[in-house]
Amino acid sequence: MSRHLINVPLNLLASPFIPAARRVGASVRLHHDTLICSETGQKIPVVRGVPDCRLTDDGEISGKKEGFERIYSSACRTGTVCDPVYLRQVEPLLRLIDAHCRDIPLAGPTLEVGCGMGVLAERLPGYVGLDYVMAILQAKGFEPFSRVCASANDMPFQSGSFATVITNNALEHVPEVHRAFAEIDRVLKPGGLLLFKMAWHCTTYNNLGIPNRPYADLPIRHKLTKALLPIIRSKPYKFLTRVPRRIGRRAFSRWPTALRYRVLSPSMEYYGLPDHDAYCDVDCHEGLMYFESRGYKCLTHLSYADKVLAGQDVLAFRKWTEQGVAKQAAESLP
């Protein structure tokens, strides 16, 4: 493999033109500066070492440039990885990584979904970063690391190819986020570690900028929402509106559960509010149930109370091996 052409191990890659359920075995080959699908012969462009696997709705490689491409066109990673703002965003995840490494070292290869400029790249063995924005993957200083440009909903990787998968405050910006959850489950190998964090509980009122907009700019319904924000944001209100629903979900859901979430309309107008451009509102408890119901062992929320009271938390899971799933099924028999 010519590292100046592509710096991603080919044994991890799968053709985006092949349905995800069949992404096993060798399915791409390198020809000059292009990846070729072994089954269909379709081409996957490589841009300065980064495979561009973004597909359009009709299954062709996308040539469109998103607005973020302009924003990050002169991105420089060197200063970013030490920036206090970025470090605060990943601090809970770094603490969890450090705590885990005291007992069992992280195994590679490692995939970071929604990697941005790869703040965690130096900390993770066999690092591969995935993001939808090509410009941010081309940030100065990011060149030594393996990077792939693709959607989290359709990852161009072999099934069961990663020993560790990490995502941090990224999936709230993904439409149809249930597909990203399923893809994470697909690419993580049995026995692998999943460290999972997104901005849980994104809100319509932040999408609309209600907290920071003056009353005069708001329609009557949004004026009422703004007036009630101290109640809506209070802990008693959150407890009364979330915990009974979580208890009911845990008691009456069939497993494995589908991911329930609320679709939001992202705003590209910045009001100085977090996650104004979020596409979905996912409850942390839903994330817990999704992976637990598929045989994952939660390493961070051990008790029933921990699970139904989960807030803006980082979740850690160990994916069951096939032997573990069989044992769990046998133990559940009368």
C-alpha atoms as a PDB file:
ATOM      1  CA  MET A   1       0.000   0.000   0.000  1.00  0.00           C
ATOM      2  CA  SER A   2       1.353   3.425  -0.952  1.00  0.00           C
ATOM      3  CA  ARG A   3       0.964   5.591   2.094  1.00  0.00           C
ATOM      4  CA  HIS A   4       1.309   8.802   0.128  1.00  0.00           C
ATOM      5  CA  LEU A   5      -1.842   7.784  -1.795  1.00  0.00           C
ATOM      6  CA  ILE A   6      -3.936   6.372   1.062  1.00  0.00           C
ATOM      7  CA  ASN A   7      -3.105   5.914   4.728  1.00  0.00           C
ATOM      8  CA  VAL A   8      -6.043   3.689   5.743  1.00  0.00           C
ATOM      9  CA  PRO A   9      -5.369  -0.075   6.045  1.00  0.00           C
ATOM     10  CA  LEU A  10      -7.172  -1.693   3.108  1.00  0.00           C
ATOM     11  CA  ASN A  11      -8.163  -4.708   5.210  1.00  0.00           C
ATOM     12  CA  LEU A  12     -10.490  -2.431   7.217  1.00  0.00           C
ATOM     13  CA  LEU A  13     -12.203  -0.858   4.218  1.00  0.00           C
ATOM     14  CA  ALA A  14     -15.307  -2.107   2.441  1.00  0.00           C
ATOM     15  CA  SER A  15     -16.920  -0.736  -0.673  1.00  0.00           C
ATOM     16  CA  PRO A  16     -19.796   1.694   0.012  1.00  0.00           C
ATOM     17  CA  PHE A  17     -21.465   0.284  -3.121  1.00  0.00           C
ATOM     18  CA  ILE A  18     -21.963  -3.089  -1.402  1.00  0.00           C
ATOM     19  CA  PRO A  19     -24.901  -3.385   1.047  1.00  0.00           C
ATOM     20  CA  ALA A  20     -23.743  -3.164   4.667  1.00  0.00           C
ATOM     21  CA  ALA A  21     -24.976  -6.668   5.456  1.00  0.00           C
ATOM     22  CA  ARG A  22     -22.451  -8.094   2.947  1.00  0.00           C
ATOM     23  CA  ARG A  23     -19.424  -6.005   3.909  1.00  0.00           C
ATOM     24  CA  VAL A  24     -17.150  -8.880   4.818  1.00  0.00           C
ATOM     25  CA  GLY A  25     -13.945 -10.003   3.128  1.00  0.00           C
ATOM     26  CA  ALA A  26     -11.760  -8.001   0.763  1.00  0.00           C
ATOM     27  CA  SER A  27     -13.951  -5.636  -1.260  1.00  0.00           C
ATOM     28  CA  VAL A  28     -11.704  -2.749  -2.384  1.00  0.00           C
ATOM     29  CA  ARG A  29      -8.357  -2.521  -4.137  1.00  0.00           C
ATOM     30  CA  LEU A  30      -6.054   0.398  -4.804  1.00  0.00           C
ATOM     31  CA  HIS A  31      -5.364   1.388  -8.395  1.00  0.00           C
ATOM     32  CA  HIS A  32      -3.128   4.449  -8.802  1.00  0.00           C
ATOM     33  CA  ASP A  33      -4.932   7.222  -6.842  1.00  0.00           C
ATOM     34  CA  THR A  34      -8.356   5.535  -6.780  1.00  0.00           C
ATOM     35  CA  LEU A  35     -10.006   2.742  -4.817  1.00  0.00           C
ATOM     36  CA  ILE A  36     -11.909   0.192  -6.888  1.00  0.00           C
ATOM     37  CA  CYS A  37     -14.873  -1.864  -5.693  1.00  0.00           C
ATOM     38  CA  SER A  38     -13.885  -5.494  -6.247  1.00  0.00           C
ATOM     39  CA  GLU A  39     -17.461  -6.567  -7.024  1.00  0.00           C
ATOM     40  CA  THR A  40     -18.818  -3.739  -9.170  1.00  0.00           C
ATOM     41  CA  GLY A  41     -15.698  -1.991 -10.458  1.00  0.00           C
ATOM     42  CA  GLN A  42     -17.024   1.387  -9.319  1.00  0.00           C
ATOM     43  CA  LYS A  43     -14.439   3.964  -8.307  1.00  0.00           C
ATOM     44  CA  ILE A  44     -13.950   5.648  -4.931  1.00  0.00           C
ATOM     45  CA  PRO A  45     -11.855   8.833  -5.184  1.00  0.00           C
ATOM     46  CA  VAL A  46      -8.973   9.430  -2.781  1.00  0.00           C
ATOM     47  CA  VAL A  47      -8.310  13.063  -1.871  1.00  0.00           C
ATOM     48  CA  ARG A  48      -4.807  13.611  -0.439  1.00  0.00           C
ATOM     49  CA  GLY A  49      -4.827  10.214   1.249  1.00  0.00           C
ATOM     50  CA  VAL A  50      -8.487  10.308   2.373  1.00  0.00           C
ATOM     51  CA  PRO A  51     -11.040   8.013   0.652  1.00  0.00           C
ATOM     52  CA  ASP A  52     -14.199   9.994  -0.184  1.00  0.00           C
ATOM     53  CA  CYS A  53     -17.019   7.507   0.391  1.00  0.00           C
ATOM     54  CA  ARG A  54     -19.923   9.939   0.629  1.00  0.00           C
ATOM     55  CA  LEU A  55     -22.809   8.661  -1.490  1.00  0.00           C
ATOM     56  CA  THR A  56     -25.791  10.449  -2.992  1.00  0.00           C
ATOM     57  CA  ASP A  57     -29.318   9.059  -2.679  1.00  0.00           C
ATOM     58  CA  ASP A  58     -28.928   7.246  -6.009  1.00  0.00           C
ATOM     59  CA  GLY A  59     -25.821   5.398  -4.776  1.00  0.00           C
ATOM     60  CA  GLU A  60     -23.214   7.454  -6.604  1.00  0.00           C
ATOM     61  CA  ILE A  61     -20.198   9.174  -5.043  1.00  0.00           C
ATOM     62  CA  SER A  62     -21.173  12.690  -3.984  1.00  0.00           C
ATOM     63  CA  GLY A  63     -19.277  15.597  -5.507  1.00  0.00           C
ATOM     64  CA  LYS A  64     -21.178  18.286  -3.629  1.00  0.00           C
ATOM     65  CA  LYS A  65     -19.483  20.495  -1.082  1.00  0.00           C
ATOM     66  CA  GLU A  66     -21.219  21.172   2.211  1.00  0.00           C
ATOM     67  CA  GLY A  67     -21.171  24.569   3.932  1.00  0.00           C
ATOM     68  CA  PHE A  68     -18.780  23.147   6.493  1.00  0.00           C
ATOM     69  CA  GLU A  69     -16.194  22.634   3.752  1.00  0.00           C
ATOM     70  CA  ARG A  70     -15.807  26.413   3.540  1.00  0.00           C
ATOM     71  CA  ILE A  71     -15.738  26.858   7.308  1.00  0.00           C
ATOM     72  CA  TYR A  72     -12.886  24.379   7.758  1.00  0.00           C
ATOM     73  CA  SER A  73     -11.027  25.047   4.519  1.00  0.00           C
ATOM     74  CA  SER A  74      -8.038  26.492   6.429  1.00  0.00           C
ATOM     75  CA  ALA A  75      -8.335  24.352   9.562  1.00  0.00           C
ATOM     76  CA  CYS A  76      -5.157  23.726  11.537  1.00  0.00           C
ATOM     77  CA  ARG A  77      -5.186  20.810  13.946  1.00  0.00           C
ATOM     78  CA  THR A  78      -1.916  21.632  15.726  1.00  0.00           C
ATOM     79  CA  GLY A  79      -3.369  24.333  17.953  1.00  0.00           C
ATOM     80  CA  THR A  80      -6.815  22.753  18.233  1.00  0.00           C
ATOM     81  CA  VAL A  81      -5.700  19.623  20.066  1.00  0.00           C
ATOM     82  CA  CYS A  82      -4.496  21.803  22.946  1.00  0.00           C
ATOM     83  CA  ASP A  83      -7.376  24.298  22.818  1.00  0.00           C
ATOM     84  CA  PRO A  84      -9.094  24.474  26.253  1.00  0.00           C
ATOM     85  CA  VAL A  85     -12.563  24.578  24.656  1.00  0.00           C
ATOM     86  CA  TYR A  86     -11.981  21.341  22.768  1.00  0.00           C
ATOM     87  CA  LEU A  87     -10.347  19.703  25.753  1.00  0.00           C
ATOM     88  CA  ARG A  88     -13.370  20.524  27.943  1.00  0.00           C
ATOM     89  CA  GLN A  89     -15.621  18.822  25.402  1.00  0.00           C
ATOM     90  CA  VAL A  90     -13.645  15.578  25.509  1.00  0.00           C
ATOM     91  CA  GLU A  91     -12.603  15.666  29.176  1.00  0.00           C
ATOM     92  CA  PRO A  92     -15.275  13.179  30.399  1.00  0.00           C
ATOM     93  CA  LEU A  93     -14.293  10.784  27.632  1.00  0.00           C
ATOM     94  CA  LEU A  94     -10.567  11.165  28.388  1.00  0.00           C
ATOM     95  CA  ARG A  95     -11.213  10.400  32.063  1.00  0.00           C
ATOM     96  CA  LEU A  96     -13.098   7.269  31.080  1.00  0.00           C
ATOM     97  CA  ILE A  97     -10.316   6.187  28.703  1.00  0.00           C
ATOM     98  CA  ASP A  98      -7.687   6.720  31.403  1.00  0.00           C
ATOM     99  CA  ALA A  99      -9.743   4.801  33.977  1.00  0.00           C
ATOM    100  CA  HIS A 100     -10.223   1.912  31.559  1.00  0.00           C
ATOM    101  CA  CYS A 101      -6.548   1.785  30.591  1.00  0.00           C
ATOM    102  CA  ARG A 102      -5.553   1.309  34.214  1.00  0.00           C
ATOM    103  CA  ASP A 103      -7.199  -2.126  34.083  1.00  0.00           C
ATOM    104  CA  ILE A 104      -7.190  -3.202  30.433  1.00  0.00           C
ATOM    105  CA  PRO A 105      -5.309  -1.287  27.718  1.00  0.00           C
ATOM    106  CA  LEU A 106      -7.426  -0.115  24.794  1.00  0.00           C
ATOM    107  CA  ALA A 107      -7.112  -2.459  21.829  1.00  0.00           C
ATOM    108  CA  GLY A 108      -6.838  -1.362  18.219  1.00  0.00           C
ATOM    109  CA  PRO A 109      -7.796  -0.767  15.556  1.00  0.00           C
ATOM    110  CA  THR A 110      -9.871   2.099  16.958  1.00  0.00           C
ATOM    111  CA  LEU A 111     -12.561   4.010  15.066  1.00  0.00           C
ATOM    112  CA  GLU A 112     -13.669   7.516  16.075  1.00  0.00           C
ATOM    113  CA  VAL A 113     -17.048   8.363  14.523  1.00  0.00           C
ATOM    114  CA  GLY A 114     -17.479  12.085  13.905  1.00  0.00           C
ATOM    115  CA  CYS A 115     -13.794  12.676  14.581  1.00  0.00           C
ATOM    116  CA  GLY A 116     -13.537  16.345  13.563  1.00  0.00           C
ATOM    117  CA  MET A 117      -9.827  17.173  13.677  1.00  0.00           C
ATOM    118  CA  GLY A 118      -9.019  14.073  15.720  1.00  0.00           C
ATOM    119  CA  VAL A 119      -8.438  15.425  19.216  1.00  0.00           C
ATOM    120  CA  LEU A 120      -8.168  11.837  20.477  1.00  0.00           C
ATOM    121  CA  ALA A 121      -5.937  10.501  17.698  1.00  0.00           C
ATOM    122  CA  GLU A 122      -2.694  10.410  19.717  1.00  0.00           C
ATOM    123  CA  ARG A 123      -4.412   8.578  22.575  1.00  0.00           C
ATOM    124  CA  LEU A 124      -5.879   5.668  20.597  1.00  0.00           C
ATOM    125  CA  PRO A 125      -4.106   2.620  19.100  1.00  0.00           C
ATOM    126  CA  GLY A 126      -4.580   1.945  15.393  1.00  0.00           C
ATOM    127  CA  TYR A 127      -6.568   5.145  15.025  1.00  0.00           C
ATOM    128  CA  VAL A 128      -9.011   5.686  12.140  1.00  0.00           C
ATOM    129  CA  GLY A 129     -11.101   8.861  12.042  1.00  0.00           C
ATOM    130  CA  LEU A 130     -14.435   9.126  10.200  1.00  0.00           C
ATOM    131  CA  ASP A 131     -16.172  12.404   9.410  1.00  0.00           C
ATOM    132  CA  TYR A 132     -18.534  13.700   6.712  1.00  0.00           C
ATOM    133  CA  VAL A 133     -16.606  16.935   6.150  1.00  0.00           C
ATOM    134  CA  MET A 134     -13.584  16.467   3.898  1.00  0.00           C
ATOM    135  CA  ALA A 135     -12.049  19.856   4.759  1.00  0.00           C
ATOM    136  CA  ILE A 136     -11.796  19.058   8.469  1.00  0.00           C
ATOM    137  CA  LEU A 137     -10.099  15.737   7.665  1.00  0.00           C
ATOM    138  CA  GLN A 138      -7.547  17.707   5.642  1.00  0.00           C
ATOM    139  CA  ALA A 139      -6.687  19.945   8.627  1.00  0.00           C
ATOM    140  CA  LYS A 140      -3.014  20.740   8.882  1.00  0.00           C
ATOM    141  CA  GLY A 141      -1.344  18.305  11.268  1.00  0.00           C
ATOM    142  CA  PHE A 142      -3.929  15.543  10.745  1.00  0.00           C
ATOM    143  CA  GLU A 143      -2.082  13.994   7.789  1.00  0.00           C
ATOM    144  CA  PRO A 144      -0.204  11.212   9.702  1.00  0.00           C
ATOM    145  CA  PHE A 145      -3.436   9.561  10.846  1.00  0.00           C
ATOM    146  CA  SER A 146      -5.846   7.298   8.974  1.00  0.00           C
ATOM    147  CA  ARG A 147      -8.990   9.165   7.941  1.00  0.00           C
ATOM    148  CA  VAL A 148     -12.101   8.338   5.905  1.00  0.00           C
ATOM    149  CA  CYS A 149     -14.744  10.753   4.621  1.00  0.00           C
ATOM    150  CA  ALA A 150     -18.173   9.113   4.851  1.00  0.00           C
ATOM    151  CA  SER A 151     -21.537   9.259   6.588  1.00  0.00           C
ATOM    152  CA  ALA A 152     -21.915   7.654  10.020  1.00  0.00           C
ATOM    153  CA  ASN A 153     -25.100   6.098   8.586  1.00  0.00           C
ATOM    154  CA  ASP A 154     -23.166   4.120   5.976  1.00  0.00           C
ATOM    155  CA  MET A 155     -19.615   3.373   7.098  1.00  0.00           C
ATOM    156  CA  PRO A 156     -17.291   1.914   4.439  1.00  0.00           C
ATOM    157  CA  PHE A 157     -15.719  -0.638   6.770  1.00  0.00           C
ATOM    158  CA  GLN A 158     -15.714  -4.390   7.086  1.00  0.00           C
ATOM    159  CA  SER A 159     -18.223  -5.802   9.566  1.00  0.00           C
ATOM    160  CA  GLY A 160     -16.599  -6.530  12.933  1.00  0.00           C
ATOM    161  CA  SER A 161     -13.352  -4.813  11.968  1.00  0.00           C
ATOM    162  CA  PHE A 162     -12.730  -2.559  15.016  1.00  0.00           C
ATOM    163  CA  ALA A 163     -11.759  -3.546  18.558  1.00  0.00           C
ATOM    164  CA  THR A 164     -12.744  -0.115  19.920  1.00  0.00           C
ATOM    165  CA  VAL A 165     -15.309   2.418  18.661  1.00  0.00           C
ATOM    166  CA  ILE A 166     -15.554   5.922  20.114  1.00  0.00           C
ATOM    167  CA  THR A 167     -17.938   8.755  19.353  1.00  0.00           C
ATOM    168  CA  ASN A 168     -18.190  12.042  21.222  1.00  0.00           C
ATOM    169  CA  ASN A 169     -20.775  14.811  20.678  1.00  0.00           C
ATOM    170  CA  ALA A 170     -21.235  14.030  16.997  1.00  0.00           C
ATOM    171  CA  LEU A 171     -24.286  11.862  16.318  1.00  0.00           C
ATOM    172  CA  GLU A 172     -26.803  14.544  17.286  1.00  0.00           C
ATOM    173  CA  HIS A 173     -25.804  16.166  13.978  1.00  0.00           C
ATOM    174  CA  VAL A 174     -26.676  13.063  11.938  1.00  0.00           C
ATOM    175  CA  PRO A 175     -30.100  12.688  10.247  1.00  0.00           C
ATOM    176  CA  GLU A 176     -31.739   9.271  10.719  1.00  0.00           C
ATOM    177  CA  VAL A 177     -29.461   8.630  13.667  1.00  0.00           C
ATOM    178  CA  HIS A 178     -30.826   5.102  14.221  1.00  0.00           C
ATOM    179  CA  ARG A 179     -28.843   4.047  11.157  1.00  0.00           C
ATOM    180  CA  ALA A 180     -25.616   5.325  12.763  1.00  0.00           C
ATOM    181  CA  PHE A 181     -26.343   3.274  15.903  1.00  0.00           C
ATOM    182  CA  ALA A 182     -26.811   0.168  13.741  1.00  0.00           C
ATOM    183  CA  GLU A 183     -23.577   0.838  11.839  1.00  0.00           C
ATOM    184  CA  ILE A 184     -21.598   1.190  15.078  1.00  0.00           C
ATOM    185  CA  ASP A 185     -22.964  -2.178  16.182  1.00  0.00           C
ATOM    186  CA  ARG A 186     -22.001  -3.696  12.810  1.00  0.00           C
ATOM    187  CA  VAL A 187     -18.370  -2.530  12.657  1.00  0.00           C
ATOM    188  CA  LEU A 188     -17.518  -3.327  16.316  1.00  0.00           C
ATOM    189  CA  LYS A 189     -16.164  -6.830  16.712  1.00  0.00           C
ATOM    190  CA  PRO A 190     -17.510  -9.258  19.367  1.00  0.00           C
ATOM    191  CA  GLY A 191     -15.821  -8.522  22.691  1.00  0.00           C
ATOM    192  CA  GLY A 192     -15.015  -4.979  21.540  1.00  0.00           C
ATOM    193  CA  LEU A 193     -15.267  -1.793  23.590  1.00  0.00           C
ATOM    194  CA  LEU A 194     -17.702   1.029  22.796  1.00  0.00           C
ATOM    195  CA  LEU A 195     -17.265   4.493  24.355  1.00  0.00           C
ATOM    196  CA  PHE A 196     -20.366   6.474  23.431  1.00  0.00           C
ATOM    197  CA  LYS A 197     -21.318  10.090  24.038  1.00  0.00           C
ATOM    198  CA  MET A 198     -23.621  12.418  22.167  1.00  0.00           C
ATOM    199  CA  ALA A 199     -25.367  15.612  23.171  1.00  0.00           C
ATOM    200  CA  TRP A 200     -28.367  13.934  24.746  1.00  0.00           C
ATOM    201  CA  HIS A 201     -31.681  15.785  25.039  1.00  0.00           C
ATOM    202  CA  CYS A 202     -31.242  18.415  22.335  1.00  0.00           C
ATOM    203  CA  THR A 203     -34.174  20.809  22.250  1.00  0.00           C
ATOM    204  CA  THR A 204     -36.462  22.513  19.769  1.00  0.00           C
ATOM    205  CA  TYR A 205     -36.195  25.756  21.721  1.00  0.00           C
ATOM    206  CA  ASN A 206     -32.439  25.862  21.088  1.00  0.00           C
ATOM    207  CA  ASN A 207     -33.020  25.122  17.388  1.00  0.00           C
ATOM    208  CA  LEU A 208     -35.296  28.163  17.310  1.00  0.00           C
ATOM    209  CA  GLY A 209     -32.993  30.340  19.416  1.00  0.00           C
ATOM    210  CA  ILE A 210     -35.803  31.015  21.906  1.00  0.00           C
ATOM    211  CA  PRO A 211     -33.617  31.499  25.021  1.00  0.00           C
ATOM    212  CA  ASN A 212     -31.534  34.281  23.424  1.00  0.00           C
ATOM    213  CA  ARG A 213     -34.045  35.977  21.156  1.00  0.00           C
ATOM    214  CA  PRO A 214     -36.063  38.945  22.472  1.00  0.00           C
ATOM    215  CA  TYR A 215     -39.761  38.422  23.214  1.00  0.00           C
ATOM    216  CA  ALA A 216     -40.643  40.880  20.454  1.00  0.00           C
ATOM    217  CA  ASP A 217     -39.200  38.520  17.801  1.00  0.00           C
ATOM    218  CA  LEU A 218     -41.206  35.497  18.949  1.00  0.00           C
ATOM    219  CA  PRO A 219     -44.743  34.324  18.148  1.00  0.00           C
ATOM    220  CA  ILE A 220     -47.099  33.866  21.094  1.00  0.00           C
ATOM    221  CA  ARG A 221     -46.448  30.119  21.488  1.00  0.00           C
ATOM    222  CA  HIS A 222     -42.686  30.662  21.627  1.00  0.00           C
ATOM    223  CA  LYS A 223     -43.117  33.580  24.036  1.00  0.00           C
ATOM    224  CA  LEU A 224     -44.838  31.147  26.399  1.00  0.00           C
ATOM    225  CA  THR A 225     -41.986  28.648  25.998  1.00  0.00           C
ATOM    226  CA  LYS A 226     -39.441  31.356  26.798  1.00  0.00           C
ATOM    227  CA  ALA A 227     -41.359  32.369  29.923  1.00  0.00           C
ATOM    228  CA  LEU A 228     -41.501  28.752  31.121  1.00  0.00           C
ATOM    229  CA  LEU A 229     -37.812  27.970  30.486  1.00  0.00           C
ATOM    230  CA  PRO A 230     -36.834  28.176  34.194  1.00  0.00           C
ATOM    231  CA  ILE A 231     -39.354  25.385  34.866  1.00  0.00           C
ATOM    232  CA  ILE A 232     -38.558  23.348  31.737  1.00  0.00           C
ATOM    233  CA  ARG A 233     -34.843  23.394  32.561  1.00  0.00           C
ATOM    234  CA  SER A 234     -35.289  22.542  36.240  1.00  0.00           C
ATOM    235  CA  LYS A 235     -34.294  19.166  37.662  1.00  0.00           C
ATOM    236  CA  PRO A 236     -37.764  18.381  39.137  1.00  0.00           C
ATOM    237  CA  TYR A 237     -39.379  18.932  35.726  1.00  0.00           C
ATOM    238  CA  LYS A 238     -36.813  16.728  33.995  1.00  0.00           C
ATOM    239  CA  PHE A 239     -37.257  14.027  36.641  1.00  0.00           C
ATOM    240  CA  LEU A 240     -41.056  14.012  36.345  1.00  0.00           C
ATOM    241  CA  THR A 241     -41.083  13.994  32.548  1.00  0.00           C
ATOM    242  CA  ARG A 242     -38.264  11.501  31.927  1.00  0.00           C
ATOM    243  CA  VAL A 243     -38.009   8.962  34.729  1.00  0.00           C
ATOM    244  CA  PRO A 244     -41.577   7.512  34.612  1.00  0.00           C
ATOM    245  CA  ARG A 245     -41.282   7.106  30.845  1.00  0.00           C
ATOM    246  CA  ARG A 246     -37.919   5.363  31.218  1.00  0.00           C
ATOM    247  CA  ILE A 247     -39.291   2.964  33.827  1.00  0.00           C
ATOM    248  CA  GLY A 248     -42.162   2.119  31.494  1.00  0.00           C
ATOM    249  CA  ARG A 249     -39.819   1.592  28.545  1.00  0.00           C
ATOM    250  CA  ARG A 250     -37.611  -0.733  30.553  1.00  0.00           C
ATOM    251  CA  ALA A 251     -40.587  -2.692  31.913  1.00  0.00           C
ATOM    252  CA  PHE A 252     -42.662  -3.177  28.760  1.00  0.00           C
ATOM    253  CA  SER A 253     -40.311  -2.986  25.753  1.00  0.00           C
ATOM    254  CA  ARG A 254     -39.503  -6.025  23.694  1.00  0.00           C
ATOM    255  CA  TRP A 255     -35.794  -6.615  23.258  1.00  0.00           C
ATOM    256  CA  PRO A 256     -33.923  -5.808  21.131  1.00  0.00           C
ATOM    257  CA  THR A 257     -35.489  -2.364  21.158  1.00  0.00           C
ATOM    258  CA  ALA A 258     -35.649   0.072  18.277  1.00  0.00           C
ATOM    259  CA  LEU A 259     -34.061   3.448  18.972  1.00  0.00           C
ATOM    260  CA  ARG A 260     -36.717   6.023  19.801  1.00  0.00           C
ATOM    261  CA  TYR A 261     -35.866   9.659  19.223  1.00  0.00           C
ATOM    262  CA  ARG A 262     -37.450  12.956  18.239  1.00  0.00           C
ATOM    263  CA  VAL A 263     -36.585  14.501  14.889  1.00  0.00           C
ATOM    264  CA  LEU A 264     -35.527  18.163  15.084  1.00  0.00           C
ATOM    265  CA  SER A 265     -35.247  20.857  12.430  1.00  0.00           C
ATOM    266  CA  PRO A 266     -31.667  22.128  12.639  1.00  0.00           C
ATOM    267  CA  SER A 267     -31.068  25.862  12.386  1.00  0.00           C
ATOM    268  CA  MET A 268     -28.052  27.161  10.523  1.00  0.00           C
ATOM    269  CA  GLU A 269     -28.593  30.571  12.109  1.00  0.00           C
ATOM    270  CA  TYR A 270     -26.358  30.793  15.152  1.00  0.00           C
ATOM    271  CA  TYR A 271     -28.010  32.178  18.293  1.00  0.00           C
ATOM    272  CA  GLY A 272     -25.140  31.465  20.686  1.00  0.00           C
ATOM    273  CA  LEU A 273     -26.833  28.265  21.870  1.00  0.00           C
ATOM    274  CA  PRO A 274     -25.451  24.718  21.991  1.00  0.00           C
ATOM    275  CA  ASP A 275     -26.537  22.228  19.337  1.00  0.00           C
ATOM    276  CA  HIS A 276     -28.790  24.659  17.471  1.00  0.00           C
ATOM    277  CA  ASP A 277     -27.968  22.562  14.379  1.00  0.00           C
ATOM    278  CA  ALA A 278     -28.960  19.213  15.925  1.00  0.00           C
ATOM    279  CA  TYR A 279     -31.065  16.825  13.861  1.00  0.00           C
ATOM    280  CA  CYS A 280     -32.330  14.676  16.716  1.00  0.00           C
ATOM    281  CA  ASP A 281     -33.251  14.561  20.371  1.00  0.00           C
ATOM    282  CA  VAL A 282     -32.096  11.253  21.892  1.00  0.00           C
ATOM    283  CA  ASP A 283     -32.618  10.307  25.525  1.00  0.00           C
ATOM    284  CA  CYS A 284     -29.490   8.905  27.185  1.00  0.00           C
ATOM    285  CA  HIS A 285     -31.600   6.049  28.533  1.00  0.00           C
ATOM    286  CA  GLU A 286     -32.583   5.152  24.959  1.00  0.00           C
ATOM    287  CA  GLY A 287     -28.901   4.833  24.086  1.00  0.00           C
ATOM    288  CA  LEU A 288     -28.411   2.551  27.071  1.00  0.00           C
ATOM    289  CA  MET A 289     -31.373   0.360  26.159  1.00  0.00           C
ATOM    290  CA  TYR A 290     -30.423   0.133  22.498  1.00  0.00           C
ATOM    291  CA  PHE A 291     -27.041  -1.460  23.154  1.00  0.00           C
ATOM    292  CA  GLU A 292     -28.041  -3.427  26.260  1.00  0.00           C
ATOM    293  CA  SER A 293     -30.899  -5.028  24.328  1.00  0.00           C
ATOM    294  CA  ARG A 294     -28.357  -6.254  21.764  1.00  0.00           C
ATOM    295  CA  GLY A 295     -26.274  -8.089  24.329  1.00  0.00           C
ATOM    296  CA  TYR A 296     -23.825  -5.344  25.289  1.00  0.00           C
ATOM    297  CA  LYS A 297     -22.673  -5.126  28.889  1.00  0.00           C
ATOM    298  CA  CYS A 298     -22.783  -1.586  30.263  1.00  0.00           C
ATOM    299  CA  LEU A 299     -19.595  -0.761  32.173  1.00  0.00           C
ATOM    300  CA  THR A 300     -20.584   2.686  33.459  1.00  0.00           C
ATOM    301  CA  HIS A 301     -24.207   2.354  34.627  1.00  0.00           C
ATOM    302  CA  LEU A 302     -24.390  -0.797  36.694  1.00  0.00           C
ATOM    303  CA  SER A 303     -27.525  -0.392  38.804  1.00  0.00           C
ATOM    304  CA  TYR A 304     -31.149   0.076  37.777  1.00  0.00           C
ATOM    305  CA  ALA A 305     -31.139   3.533  39.377  1.00  0.00           C
ATOM    306  CA  ASP A 306     -28.012   4.549  37.444  1.00  0.00           C
ATOM    307  CA  LYS A 307     -29.767   3.669  34.208  1.00  0.00           C
ATOM    308  CA  VAL A 308     -33.130   5.356  34.753  1.00  0.00           C
ATOM    309  CA  LEU A 309     -31.441   8.506  36.157  1.00  0.00           C
ATOM    310  CA  ALA A 310     -28.818   8.836  33.389  1.00  0.00           C
ATOM    311  CA  GLY A 311     -28.179  12.410  32.234  1.00  0.00           C
ATOM    312  CA  GLN A 312     -25.504  13.944  29.988  1.00  0.00           C
ATOM    313  CA  ASP A 313     -23.335  10.892  30.512  1.00  0.00           C
ATOM    314  CA  VAL A 314     -20.596   9.029  28.693  1.00  0.00           C
ATOM    315  CA  LEU A 315     -21.611   5.403  28.178  1.00  0.00           C
ATOM    316  CA  ALA A 316     -19.159   2.511  28.004  1.00  0.00           C
ATOM    317  CA  PHE A 317     -20.107  -0.958  26.772  1.00  0.00           C
ATOM    318  CA  ARG A 318     -18.439  -4.280  26.139  1.00  0.00           C
ATOM    319  CA  LYS A 319     -19.947  -6.107  23.188  1.00  0.00           C
ATOM    320  CA  TRP A 320     -20.814  -9.693  23.972  1.00  0.00           C
ATOM    321  CA  THR A 321     -18.879 -12.422  22.246  1.00  0.00           C
ATOM    322  CA  GLU A 322     -20.927 -15.081  20.463  1.00  0.00           C
ATOM    323  CA  GLN A 323     -20.229 -17.419  23.374  1.00  0.00           C
ATOM    324  CA  GLY A 324     -21.490 -14.770  25.792  1.00  0.00           C
ATOM    325  CA  VAL A 325     -24.740 -14.331  23.871  1.00  0.00           C
ATOM    326  CA  ALA A 326     -25.309 -18.100  23.878  1.00  0.00           C
ATOM    327  CA  LYS A 327     -24.624 -18.273  27.630  1.00  0.00           C
ATOM    328  CA  GLN A 328     -26.980 -15.369  28.316  1.00  0.00           C
ATOM    329  CA  ALA A 329     -29.747 -17.061  26.288  1.00  0.00           C
ATOM    330  CA  ALA A 330     -29.214 -20.374  28.112  1.00  0.00           C
ATOM    331  CA  GLU A 331     -29.397 -18.712  31.528  1.00  0.00           C
ATOM    332  CA  SER A 332     -32.710 -17.060  30.633  1.00  0.00           C
ATOM    333  CA  LEU A 333     -34.381 -20.421  29.927  1.00  0.00           C
ATOM    334  CA  PRO A 334     -36.656 -21.821  32.657  1.00  0.00           C
END
